[in-house]
Amino acid sequence: MRIYKPFWSYSIHKTEAWLAEMAIKGYELKRFNRVTRSFHFNSSSAKHITYKIGYDRTKLNPISSTLENDGWAFVDQQKSWYILKN
């Protein structure tokens, strides 16, 4: 499923909450496209997932080993924008 969200980057906290609500409804984020402003989901079982959206021009790998040890996983990256889930 693909959902168009034109102004997702103007309110990161609301977008993170929306992604968590989608996971509870059984749609887990697969990838996003910053140019077309669309989010692509896979159907799955309902889960409680916390998402983190970040912007960092300096890092090639947005997830540190400490975050990985705490259960965070990389979802997707588009240029400087990235999304992590836990």
C-alpha atoms as a PDB file:
ATOM      1  CA  MET A   1       0.000   0.000   0.000  1.00  0.00           C
ATOM      2  CA  ARG A   2       1.253   3.479  -0.826  1.00  0.00           C
ATOM      3  CA  ILE A   3       0.077   6.641   0.951  1.00  0.00           C
ATOM      4  CA  TYR A   4       0.831  10.186  -0.161  1.00  0.00           C
ATOM      5  CA  LYS A   5       1.654  12.633   2.688  1.00  0.00           C
ATOM      6  CA  PRO A   6       2.636  15.992   1.155  1.00  0.00           C
ATOM      7  CA  PHE A   7       3.751  17.843   4.306  1.00  0.00           C
ATOM      8  CA  TRP A   8       5.163  14.983   6.401  1.00  0.00           C
ATOM      9  CA  SER A   9       8.482  16.746   7.073  1.00  0.00           C
ATOM     10  CA  TYR A  10       6.848  19.843   8.608  1.00  0.00           C
ATOM     11  CA  SER A  11       5.710  17.912  11.675  1.00  0.00           C
ATOM     12  CA  ILE A  12       8.067  15.032  12.328  1.00  0.00           C
ATOM     13  CA  HIS A  13       6.449  14.053  15.656  1.00  0.00           C
ATOM     14  CA  LYS A  14       3.006  13.782  14.049  1.00  0.00           C
ATOM     15  CA  THR A  15       4.439  11.715  11.207  1.00  0.00           C
ATOM     16  CA  GLU A  16       6.178   9.369  13.663  1.00  0.00           C
ATOM     17  CA  ALA A  17       2.892   8.974  15.587  1.00  0.00           C
ATOM     18  CA  TRP A  18       1.005   8.323  12.328  1.00  0.00           C
ATOM     19  CA  LEU A  19       3.510   5.612  11.356  1.00  0.00           C
ATOM     20  CA  ALA A  20       3.056   3.984  14.788  1.00  0.00           C
ATOM     21  CA  GLU A  21      -0.748   4.074  14.319  1.00  0.00           C
ATOM     22  CA  MET A  22      -0.366   2.436  10.913  1.00  0.00           C
ATOM     23  CA  ALA A  23       1.693  -0.376  12.522  1.00  0.00           C
ATOM     24  CA  ILE A  24      -1.072  -0.934  15.092  1.00  0.00           C
ATOM     25  CA  LYS A  25      -3.546  -1.224  12.186  1.00  0.00           C
ATOM     26  CA  GLY A  26      -1.322  -3.881  10.593  1.00  0.00           C
ATOM     27  CA  TYR A  27       0.686  -1.830   8.087  1.00  0.00           C
ATOM     28  CA  GLU A  28       4.437  -1.830   8.631  1.00  0.00           C
ATOM     29  CA  LEU A  29       6.561   0.790   6.865  1.00  0.00           C
ATOM     30  CA  LYS A  30       8.687  -0.733   4.114  1.00  0.00           C
ATOM     31  CA  ARG A  31      10.178   2.424   2.553  1.00  0.00           C
ATOM     32  CA  PHE A  32       9.481   6.069   1.809  1.00  0.00           C
ATOM     33  CA  ASN A  33      10.196   8.385  -1.089  1.00  0.00           C
ATOM     34  CA  ARG A  34      11.017  11.966  -0.159  1.00  0.00           C
ATOM     35  CA  VAL A  35      10.603  13.250  -3.726  1.00  0.00           C
ATOM     36  CA  THR A  36       7.091  11.857  -4.289  1.00  0.00           C
ATOM     37  CA  ARG A  37       6.276  12.299  -0.576  1.00  0.00           C
ATOM     38  CA  SER A  38       4.895   8.779  -0.343  1.00  0.00           C
ATOM     39  CA  PHE A  39       5.157   6.026   2.251  1.00  0.00           C
ATOM     40  CA  HIS A  40       5.025   2.365   1.232  1.00  0.00           C
ATOM     41  CA  PHE A  41       3.667  -0.265   3.620  1.00  0.00           C
ATOM     42  CA  ASN A  42       3.523  -4.063   3.866  1.00  0.00           C
ATOM     43  CA  SER A  43       0.527  -5.785   5.401  1.00  0.00           C
ATOM     44  CA  SER A  44       1.495  -7.526   8.623  1.00  0.00           C
ATOM     45  CA  SER A  45       0.070  -8.395  11.993  1.00  0.00           C
ATOM     46  CA  ALA A  46      -0.714  -5.510  14.319  1.00  0.00           C
ATOM     47  CA  LYS A  47       2.450  -4.424  16.151  1.00  0.00           C
ATOM     48  CA  HIS A  48       3.529  -1.689  18.515  1.00  0.00           C
ATOM     49  CA  ILE A  49       6.418  -0.038  16.675  1.00  0.00           C
ATOM     50  CA  THR A  50       8.121   3.229  17.551  1.00  0.00           C
ATOM     51  CA  TYR A  51       9.501   5.140  14.577  1.00  0.00           C
ATOM     52  CA  LYS A  52      12.223   7.783  14.562  1.00  0.00           C
ATOM     53  CA  ILE A  53      12.639  10.139  11.611  1.00  0.00           C
ATOM     54  CA  GLY A  54      15.916  11.994  11.384  1.00  0.00           C
ATOM     55  CA  TYR A  55      17.849  14.334   9.145  1.00  0.00           C
ATOM     56  CA  ASP A  56      21.630  14.263   9.104  1.00  0.00           C
ATOM     57  CA  ARG A  57      23.818  15.462   6.250  1.00  0.00           C
ATOM     58  CA  THR A  58      27.047  14.186   7.748  1.00  0.00           C
ATOM     59  CA  LYS A  59      26.404  10.500   8.443  1.00  0.00           C
ATOM     60  CA  LEU A  60      26.333   7.697   5.923  1.00  0.00           C
ATOM     61  CA  ASN A  61      25.045   5.195   8.482  1.00  0.00           C
ATOM     62  CA  PRO A  62      22.324   6.765  10.681  1.00  0.00           C
ATOM     63  CA  ILE A  63      22.183   3.916  13.187  1.00  0.00           C
ATOM     64  CA  SER A  64      24.937   3.369  15.724  1.00  0.00           C
ATOM     65  CA  SER A  65      25.813   0.037  17.290  1.00  0.00           C
ATOM     66  CA  THR A  66      24.404   1.313  20.597  1.00  0.00           C
ATOM     67  CA  LEU A  67      21.006   1.914  19.009  1.00  0.00           C
ATOM     68  CA  GLU A  68      21.129  -1.507  17.334  1.00  0.00           C
ATOM     69  CA  ASN A  69      21.860  -3.107  20.715  1.00  0.00           C
ATOM     70  CA  ASP A  70      18.809  -1.304  22.129  1.00  0.00           C
ATOM     71  CA  GLY A  71      16.562  -2.858  19.469  1.00  0.00           C
ATOM     72  CA  TRP A  72      16.466  -0.118  16.841  1.00  0.00           C
ATOM     73  CA  ALA A  73      16.541  -1.147  13.179  1.00  0.00           C
ATOM     74  CA  PHE A  74      17.105   0.769   9.965  1.00  0.00           C
ATOM     75  CA  VAL A  75      14.032   1.125   7.690  1.00  0.00           C
ATOM     76  CA  ASP A  76      15.084   3.413   4.832  1.00  0.00           C
ATOM     77  CA  GLN A  77      17.192   6.420   3.907  1.00  0.00           C
ATOM     78  CA  GLN A  78      16.603   9.037   1.200  1.00  0.00           C
ATOM     79  CA  LYS A  79      19.589  11.380   0.904  1.00  0.00           C
ATOM     80  CA  SER A  80      19.856  12.973   4.374  1.00  0.00           C
ATOM     81  CA  TRP A  81      16.459  11.766   5.665  1.00  0.00           C
ATOM     82  CA  TYR A  82      16.278   8.403   7.437  1.00  0.00           C
ATOM     83  CA  ILE A  83      13.743   6.347   9.365  1.00  0.00           C
ATOM     84  CA  LEU A  84      14.470   3.908  12.195  1.00  0.00           C
ATOM     85  CA  LYS A  85      12.082   1.592  14.031  1.00  0.00           C
ATOM     86  CA  ASN A  86      12.043  -0.166  17.385  1.00  0.00           C
END
